[in-house]
Amino acid sequence: MAKKDKPIQFEEAFKRLEEIVSKLESGDLSLEESMTLFEEGITLTETCRSRLEAAEQKIQLLLKDSEGDLSLENMD
């Protein structure tokens, strides 16, 4: 899990979350191990969600025009 003194980066959290999902899907873990990984996964999910929300807010601020109107553009 992430160290308390340094926040985990989004990419690190997402990669660890993928590892946890893979381990849980394997079915080779004990109930205790599965619960521990599940708890870590919930924490990582919340970390990723909050980082994505922060990025979205920053993008919206950057897309505001000079009059303060938000102009969302399709980034496809």
Protein backbone atom coordinates (compact mmCIF):
# COMPACT_ATOMS: atom_id res chain seq x y z
CA MET A 1 0.00 0.00 0.00
CA ALA A 2 1.04 3.65 -0.32
CA LYS A 3 3.44 5.19 2.14
CA LYS A 4 1.81 7.67 4.50
CA ASP A 5 4.42 10.41 3.94
CA LYS A 6 4.25 10.48 0.11
CA PRO A 7 0.94 10.48 -1.80
CA ILE A 8 0.69 7.73 -4.39
CA GLN A 9 0.56 8.83 -8.02
CA PHE A 10 -2.56 8.02 -10.06
CA GLU A 11 -0.65 5.67 -12.36
CA GLU A 12 0.85 3.76 -9.44
CA ALA A 13 -2.53 3.45 -7.74
CA PHE A 14 -4.20 2.26 -10.94
CA LYS A 15 -1.48 -0.32 -11.61
CA ARG A 16 -1.73 -1.65 -8.05
CA LEU A 17 -5.51 -1.78 -8.39
CA GLU A 18 -5.14 -3.89 -11.54
CA GLU A 19 -2.81 -6.25 -9.67
CA ILE A 20 -5.32 -6.59 -6.84
CA VAL A 21 -8.18 -7.34 -9.23
CA SER A 22 -6.09 -10.00 -10.95
CA LYS A 23 -5.21 -11.66 -7.63
CA LEU A 24 -8.81 -11.57 -6.43
CA GLU A 25 -10.07 -13.02 -9.70
CA SER A 26 -7.58 -15.89 -9.50
CA GLY A 27 -9.46 -17.34 -6.52
CA ASP A 28 -6.22 -18.63 -4.99
CA LEU A 29 -6.32 -16.44 -1.87
CA SER A 30 -7.64 -17.14 1.57
CA LEU A 31 -10.63 -15.18 2.81
CA GLU A 32 -8.36 -13.07 5.02
CA GLU A 33 -5.99 -12.29 2.16
CA SER A 34 -8.91 -11.46 -0.10
CA MET A 35 -10.43 -9.10 2.47
CA THR A 36 -7.10 -7.34 3.00
CA LEU A 37 -6.65 -6.83 -0.74
CA PHE A 38 -10.28 -5.76 -1.12
CA GLU A 39 -9.80 -3.08 1.56
CA GLU A 40 -6.64 -1.86 -0.16
CA GLY A 41 -8.51 -1.82 -3.46
CA ILE A 42 -11.29 0.33 -2.01
CA THR A 43 -8.72 2.83 -0.75
CA LEU A 44 -6.96 2.90 -4.12
CA THR A 45 -10.27 3.31 -5.94
CA GLU A 46 -11.07 6.35 -3.83
CA THR A 47 -7.60 7.76 -4.49
CA CYS A 48 -8.01 7.32 -8.25
CA ARG A 49 -11.52 8.81 -8.19
CA SER A 50 -10.43 11.90 -6.30
CA ARG A 51 -7.40 12.41 -8.57
CA LEU A 52 -9.61 12.12 -11.66
CA GLU A 53 -12.11 14.60 -10.22
CA ALA A 54 -9.29 17.05 -9.47
CA ALA A 55 -7.96 16.68 -13.01
CA GLU A 56 -11.43 17.24 -14.45
CA GLN A 57 -11.86 20.43 -12.40
CA LYS A 58 -8.47 21.69 -13.56
CA ILE A 59 -9.33 20.99 -17.20
CA GLN A 60 -12.64 22.82 -16.83
CA LEU A 61 -10.82 25.84 -15.43
CA LEU A 62 -8.39 25.78 -18.32
CA LEU A 63 -11.23 25.63 -20.85
CA LYS A 64 -13.01 28.72 -19.54
CA ASP A 65 -12.92 31.56 -22.03
CA SER A 66 -11.97 35.13 -21.24
CA GLU A 67 -15.54 35.93 -20.16
CA GLY A 68 -15.58 33.04 -17.71
CA ASP A 69 -17.89 30.88 -19.81
CA LEU A 70 -17.08 27.21 -19.86
CA SER A 71 -16.60 25.83 -23.34
CA LEU A 72 -16.34 22.09 -23.23
CA GLU A 73 -14.85 20.54 -26.32
CA ASN A 74 -14.95 16.96 -27.48
CA MET A 75 -11.41 15.65 -27.09
CA ASP A 76 -11.87 12.62 -29.41
